[in-house]
Amino acid sequence: MGKVGRPKLEDSAIKAVRMPVRLWRLLSKASKEYRTRNELIVRLVEDHLVKKGLLSDSKRKFPIEPKKKRSDP
């Protein structure tokens, strides 16, 4: 039987994050303009680590630009 789900690009750890509902709703609203909530959280963590000098820009998992909206023909 074949594997189900996304292809494994990088080792990852499944973690739970507890946050206030008001922040989760804001995150959900912001992620609609960016990508998924998970990718937005990873992006925010990467930004913080780059500012602290613990991660280089070349090691980022996600590109800096938000996804482009498709234009209707």
C-alpha atoms as a PDB file:
ATOM      1  CA  MET A   1       0.000   0.000   0.000  1.00  0.00           C
ATOM      2  CA  GLY A   2       1.338   3.464  -0.913  1.00  0.00           C
ATOM      3  CA  LYS A   3       2.020   6.287   1.475  1.00  0.00           C
ATOM      4  CA  VAL A   4      -0.625   8.942   1.959  1.00  0.00           C
ATOM      5  CA  GLY A   5       0.001  12.641   2.576  1.00  0.00           C
ATOM      6  CA  ARG A   6       2.505  15.221   1.533  1.00  0.00           C
ATOM      7  CA  PRO A   7       5.948  14.199   0.350  1.00  0.00           C
ATOM      8  CA  LYS A   8       8.585  14.450   3.047  1.00  0.00           C
ATOM      9  CA  LEU A   9      10.834  17.390   2.176  1.00  0.00           C
ATOM     10  CA  GLU A  10      12.512  17.799   5.531  1.00  0.00           C
ATOM     11  CA  ASP A  11      12.445  16.033   8.909  1.00  0.00           C
ATOM     12  CA  SER A  12       9.803  17.581  11.103  1.00  0.00           C
ATOM     13  CA  ALA A  13       8.385  17.274  14.593  1.00  0.00           C
ATOM     14  CA  ILE A  14       4.692  17.448  15.389  1.00  0.00           C
ATOM     15  CA  LYS A  15       4.152  19.887  18.249  1.00  0.00           C
ATOM     16  CA  ALA A  16       1.089  21.490  19.789  1.00  0.00           C
ATOM     17  CA  VAL A  17       0.916  25.205  20.444  1.00  0.00           C
ATOM     18  CA  ARG A  18      -1.530  26.719  22.896  1.00  0.00           C
ATOM     19  CA  MET A  19      -2.533  30.274  22.071  1.00  0.00           C
ATOM     20  CA  PRO A  20      -5.472  32.537  22.793  1.00  0.00           C
ATOM     21  CA  VAL A  21      -8.437  32.211  20.434  1.00  0.00           C
ATOM     22  CA  ARG A  22      -8.163  35.889  19.447  1.00  0.00           C
ATOM     23  CA  LEU A  23      -4.581  35.319  18.210  1.00  0.00           C
ATOM     24  CA  TRP A  24      -5.556  32.118  16.394  1.00  0.00           C
ATOM     25  CA  ARG A  25      -8.334  33.967  14.558  1.00  0.00           C
ATOM     26  CA  LEU A  26      -5.956  36.768  13.578  1.00  0.00           C
ATOM     27  CA  LEU A  27      -3.422  34.173  12.419  1.00  0.00           C
ATOM     28  CA  SER A  28      -6.121  32.483  10.346  1.00  0.00           C
ATOM     29  CA  LYS A  29      -7.057  35.785   8.735  1.00  0.00           C
ATOM     30  CA  ALA A  30      -3.404  36.638   8.012  1.00  0.00           C
ATOM     31  CA  SER A  31      -2.653  33.188   6.590  1.00  0.00           C
ATOM     32  CA  LYS A  32      -5.336  33.614   3.905  1.00  0.00           C
ATOM     33  CA  GLU A  33      -3.154  36.312   2.375  1.00  0.00           C
ATOM     34  CA  TYR A  34       0.010  34.248   2.792  1.00  0.00           C
ATOM     35  CA  ARG A  35      -0.221  30.461   2.792  1.00  0.00           C
ATOM     36  CA  THR A  36      -1.303  27.947   5.402  1.00  0.00           C
ATOM     37  CA  ARG A  37      -1.264  28.719   9.116  1.00  0.00           C
ATOM     38  CA  ASN A  38       1.596  26.281   9.585  1.00  0.00           C
ATOM     39  CA  GLU A  39       3.709  27.934   6.878  1.00  0.00           C
ATOM     40  CA  LEU A  40       2.987  31.364   8.345  1.00  0.00           C
ATOM     41  CA  ILE A  41       4.080  30.208  11.820  1.00  0.00           C
ATOM     42  CA  VAL A  42       7.271  28.689  10.368  1.00  0.00           C
ATOM     43  CA  ARG A  43       7.878  31.942   8.503  1.00  0.00           C
ATOM     44  CA  LEU A  44       7.493  34.014  11.689  1.00  0.00           C
ATOM     45  CA  VAL A  45       9.885  31.726  13.572  1.00  0.00           C
ATOM     46  CA  GLU A  46      12.395  31.862  10.710  1.00  0.00           C
ATOM     47  CA  ASP A  47      12.199  35.680  10.670  1.00  0.00           C
ATOM     48  CA  HIS A  48      12.924  35.765  14.407  1.00  0.00           C
ATOM     49  CA  LEU A  49      15.861  33.357  14.084  1.00  0.00           C
ATOM     50  CA  VAL A  50      17.348  35.369  11.198  1.00  0.00           C
ATOM     51  CA  LYS A  51      17.100  38.573  13.273  1.00  0.00           C
ATOM     52  CA  LYS A  52      18.904  36.823  16.145  1.00  0.00           C
ATOM     53  CA  GLY A  53      21.616  35.535  13.799  1.00  0.00           C
ATOM     54  CA  LEU A  54      20.787  31.883  14.420  1.00  0.00           C
ATOM     55  CA  LEU A  55      19.588  31.159  10.868  1.00  0.00           C
ATOM     56  CA  SER A  56      20.814  32.442   7.529  1.00  0.00           C
ATOM     57  CA  ASP A  57      18.474  33.610   4.769  1.00  0.00           C
ATOM     58  CA  SER A  58      19.745  30.834   2.522  1.00  0.00           C
ATOM     59  CA  LYS A  59      18.557  28.187   5.013  1.00  0.00           C
ATOM     60  CA  ARG A  60      14.922  29.393   5.045  1.00  0.00           C
ATOM     61  CA  LYS A  61      12.358  26.735   4.177  1.00  0.00           C
ATOM     62  CA  PHE A  62       9.784  29.064   2.615  1.00  0.00           C
ATOM     63  CA  PRO A  63      10.373  31.885   0.138  1.00  0.00           C
ATOM     64  CA  ILE A  64      10.053  35.453   1.326  1.00  0.00           C
ATOM     65  CA  GLU A  65       7.297  36.489  -1.093  1.00  0.00           C
ATOM     66  CA  PRO A  66       3.674  35.630  -0.295  1.00  0.00           C
ATOM     67  CA  LYS A  67       1.835  33.474  -2.797  1.00  0.00           C
ATOM     68  CA  LYS A  68       0.510  35.301  -5.810  1.00  0.00           C
ATOM     69  CA  LYS A  69      -3.208  35.374  -6.367  1.00  0.00           C
ATOM     70  CA  ARG A  70      -4.361  33.852  -9.620  1.00  0.00           C
ATOM     71  CA  SER A  71      -5.911  36.320 -11.995  1.00  0.00           C
ATOM     72  CA  ASP A  72      -9.157  35.421 -13.693  1.00  0.00           C
ATOM     73  CA  PRO A  73      -8.925  35.063 -17.493  1.00  0.00           C
END
